[in-house]
Amino acid sequence: PISIGWDYPSHRPIDIEYYERRKAARSRTRTRDVDPATASIDYLMNSDSRCTEPRPRTVQELAIPAHRRTQMIRRSTDLSHKEIQEAQELVRKAQKQRQQTLNRLHLSRAEEVAQSVQRKVKRLVHKDERMQR
């Protein structure tokens, strides 16, 4: 079970051996490109022969769709749909600002040099003006 926040659903304990067999079966179906939805439980639980080493789940397999995350947030908080959207917009804005900063980092040295030149020219101009008085 997946939850967002501090509240989580409690479930009855399961036998660790049963869990490991199911986990291994799911991993084997991923390595063999077998669809677990159509494979029989017996096949998934007992097909140890031609199995490869289980692999970790991919990001796509772990991803939770946006609408499901929104449902989870709304169930665990008192936030309205509008408040969630406003928070998402603030996050997008902060991400955009961080990306802009990263994009400009390579220009920072050139910008520092340009500012230094600008200050020196300004000093020369003001010095020249004071000497003419």
Protein backbone atom coordinates (compact mmCIF):
# COMPACT_ATOMS: atom_id res chain seq x y z
CA PRO A 1 0.00 0.00 0.00
CA ILE A 2 1.16 3.49 -0.84
CA SER A 3 0.16 6.59 1.08
CA ILE A 4 1.03 10.26 1.17
CA GLY A 5 1.37 11.82 4.58
CA TRP A 6 1.58 10.30 8.04
CA ASP A 7 -1.62 8.27 7.93
CA TYR A 8 -1.32 4.89 6.31
CA PRO A 9 -3.65 1.94 6.01
CA SER A 10 -2.88 -0.95 8.31
CA HIS A 11 -3.00 -4.44 6.87
CA ARG A 12 -2.76 -7.84 8.42
CA PRO A 13 0.78 -9.23 8.56
CA ILE A 14 1.79 -11.63 5.80
CA ASP A 15 4.24 -14.49 5.90
CA ILE A 16 7.69 -13.35 4.75
CA GLU A 17 8.24 -16.51 2.67
CA TYR A 18 4.96 -15.93 0.84
CA TYR A 19 5.94 -12.29 0.21
CA GLU A 20 9.38 -13.24 -1.14
CA ARG A 21 7.90 -15.89 -3.48
CA ARG A 22 5.41 -13.37 -4.85
CA LYS A 23 8.10 -10.73 -5.22
CA ALA A 24 10.38 -13.15 -7.06
CA ALA A 25 7.51 -14.23 -9.30
CA ARG A 26 6.74 -10.62 -10.21
CA SER A 27 10.43 -9.99 -10.91
CA ARG A 28 10.67 -13.09 -13.09
CA THR A 29 7.68 -11.99 -15.12
CA ARG A 30 9.43 -8.68 -15.76
CA THR A 31 12.65 -10.37 -16.85
CA ARG A 32 10.79 -12.82 -19.10
CA ASP A 33 8.40 -10.24 -20.53
CA VAL A 34 5.40 -12.24 -19.32
CA ASP A 35 2.30 -10.22 -18.56
CA PRO A 36 1.47 -10.93 -14.89
CA ALA A 37 -2.16 -10.04 -15.55
CA THR A 38 -2.56 -12.97 -17.93
CA ALA A 39 -0.14 -15.47 -16.37
CA SER A 40 -1.60 -18.04 -14.01
CA ILE A 41 -0.80 -17.83 -10.30
CA ASP A 42 0.65 -21.37 -10.40
CA TYR A 43 2.98 -20.34 -13.21
CA LEU A 44 4.08 -17.22 -11.37
CA MET A 45 4.60 -18.97 -8.04
CA ASN A 46 6.24 -22.20 -9.25
CA SER A 47 8.23 -21.44 -12.39
CA ASP A 48 11.73 -21.42 -10.96
CA SER A 49 13.47 -23.25 -13.78
CA ARG A 50 14.48 -20.88 -16.61
CA CYS A 51 14.43 -17.74 -14.41
CA THR A 52 16.94 -14.97 -14.55
CA GLU A 53 18.02 -12.91 -11.58
CA PRO A 54 15.19 -10.59 -10.48
CA ARG A 55 15.74 -6.98 -11.45
CA PRO A 56 14.59 -3.85 -9.62
CA ARG A 57 11.43 -2.20 -10.80
CA THR A 58 11.80 0.61 -13.32
CA VAL A 59 10.74 4.20 -12.67
CA GLN A 60 7.77 3.66 -14.99
CA GLU A 61 6.68 0.64 -12.96
CA LEU A 62 6.94 2.60 -9.70
CA ALA A 63 5.33 5.81 -10.95
CA ILE A 64 1.95 6.76 -9.56
CA PRO A 65 -0.33 8.57 -12.03
CA ALA A 66 -1.02 12.24 -11.25
CA HIS A 67 -4.75 11.74 -10.70
CA ARG A 68 -4.02 8.98 -8.16
CA ARG A 69 -1.52 11.20 -6.28
CA THR A 70 -4.09 14.00 -6.22
CA GLN A 71 -6.70 11.61 -4.79
CA MET A 72 -4.27 10.49 -2.12
CA ILE A 73 -3.47 14.08 -1.13
CA ARG A 74 -7.12 15.08 -1.00
CA ARG A 75 -7.99 12.05 1.16
CA SER A 76 -5.14 12.67 3.61
CA THR A 77 -5.52 16.48 3.90
CA ASP A 78 -8.19 19.15 3.95
CA LEU A 79 -6.82 20.78 0.80
CA SER A 80 -9.19 21.72 -1.98
CA HIS A 81 -8.49 20.98 -5.63
CA LYS A 82 -7.72 24.69 -6.15
CA GLU A 83 -5.19 24.72 -3.27
CA ILE A 84 -3.44 21.69 -4.72
CA GLN A 85 -3.26 23.37 -8.13
CA GLU A 86 -1.84 26.55 -6.58
CA ALA A 87 0.84 24.53 -4.77
CA GLN A 88 1.68 22.73 -8.01
CA GLU A 89 2.05 26.08 -9.77
CA LEU A 90 4.44 27.32 -7.05
CA VAL A 91 6.50 24.15 -7.48
CA ARG A 92 6.61 24.56 -11.27
CA LYS A 93 7.69 28.20 -10.86
CA ALA A 94 10.51 27.25 -8.46
CA GLN A 95 11.63 24.46 -10.81
CA LYS A 96 11.68 26.89 -13.73
CA GLN A 97 13.76 29.39 -11.74
CA ARG A 98 16.25 26.68 -10.75
CA GLN A 99 16.53 25.59 -14.37
CA GLN A 100 17.13 29.18 -15.49
CA THR A 101 19.88 29.50 -12.88
CA LEU A 102 21.51 26.29 -14.12
CA ASN A 103 21.26 27.49 -17.72
CA ARG A 104 22.99 30.76 -16.84
CA LEU A 105 25.78 29.34 -14.68
CA HIS A 106 28.19 29.11 -17.61
CA LEU A 107 27.64 32.82 -18.25
CA SER A 108 28.39 33.90 -14.68
CA ARG A 109 32.15 34.40 -15.19
CA ALA A 110 31.59 36.51 -18.31
CA GLU A 111 28.96 38.52 -16.43
CA GLU A 112 31.41 39.16 -13.56
CA VAL A 113 34.06 40.36 -16.02
CA ALA A 114 31.56 42.65 -17.76
CA GLN A 115 30.48 44.16 -14.42
CA SER A 116 34.10 44.71 -13.43
CA VAL A 117 34.84 46.48 -16.73
CA GLN A 118 31.71 48.58 -16.28
CA ARG A 119 32.82 49.68 -12.78
CA LYS A 120 36.30 50.58 -14.02
CA VAL A 121 34.96 52.63 -16.93
CA LYS A 122 32.57 54.40 -14.55
CA ARG A 123 35.48 55.24 -12.20
CA LEU A 124 37.55 56.59 -15.10
CA VAL A 125 34.67 58.75 -16.32
CA HIS A 126 34.01 60.17 -12.85
CA LYS A 127 37.73 60.75 -12.28
CA ASP A 128 37.96 62.57 -15.61
CA GLU A 129 34.91 64.73 -14.70
CA ARG A 130 36.47 65.70 -11.35
CA MET A 131 39.75 66.67 -12.97
CA GLN A 132 38.00 68.98 -15.45
CA ARG A 133 36.42 70.99 -12.61
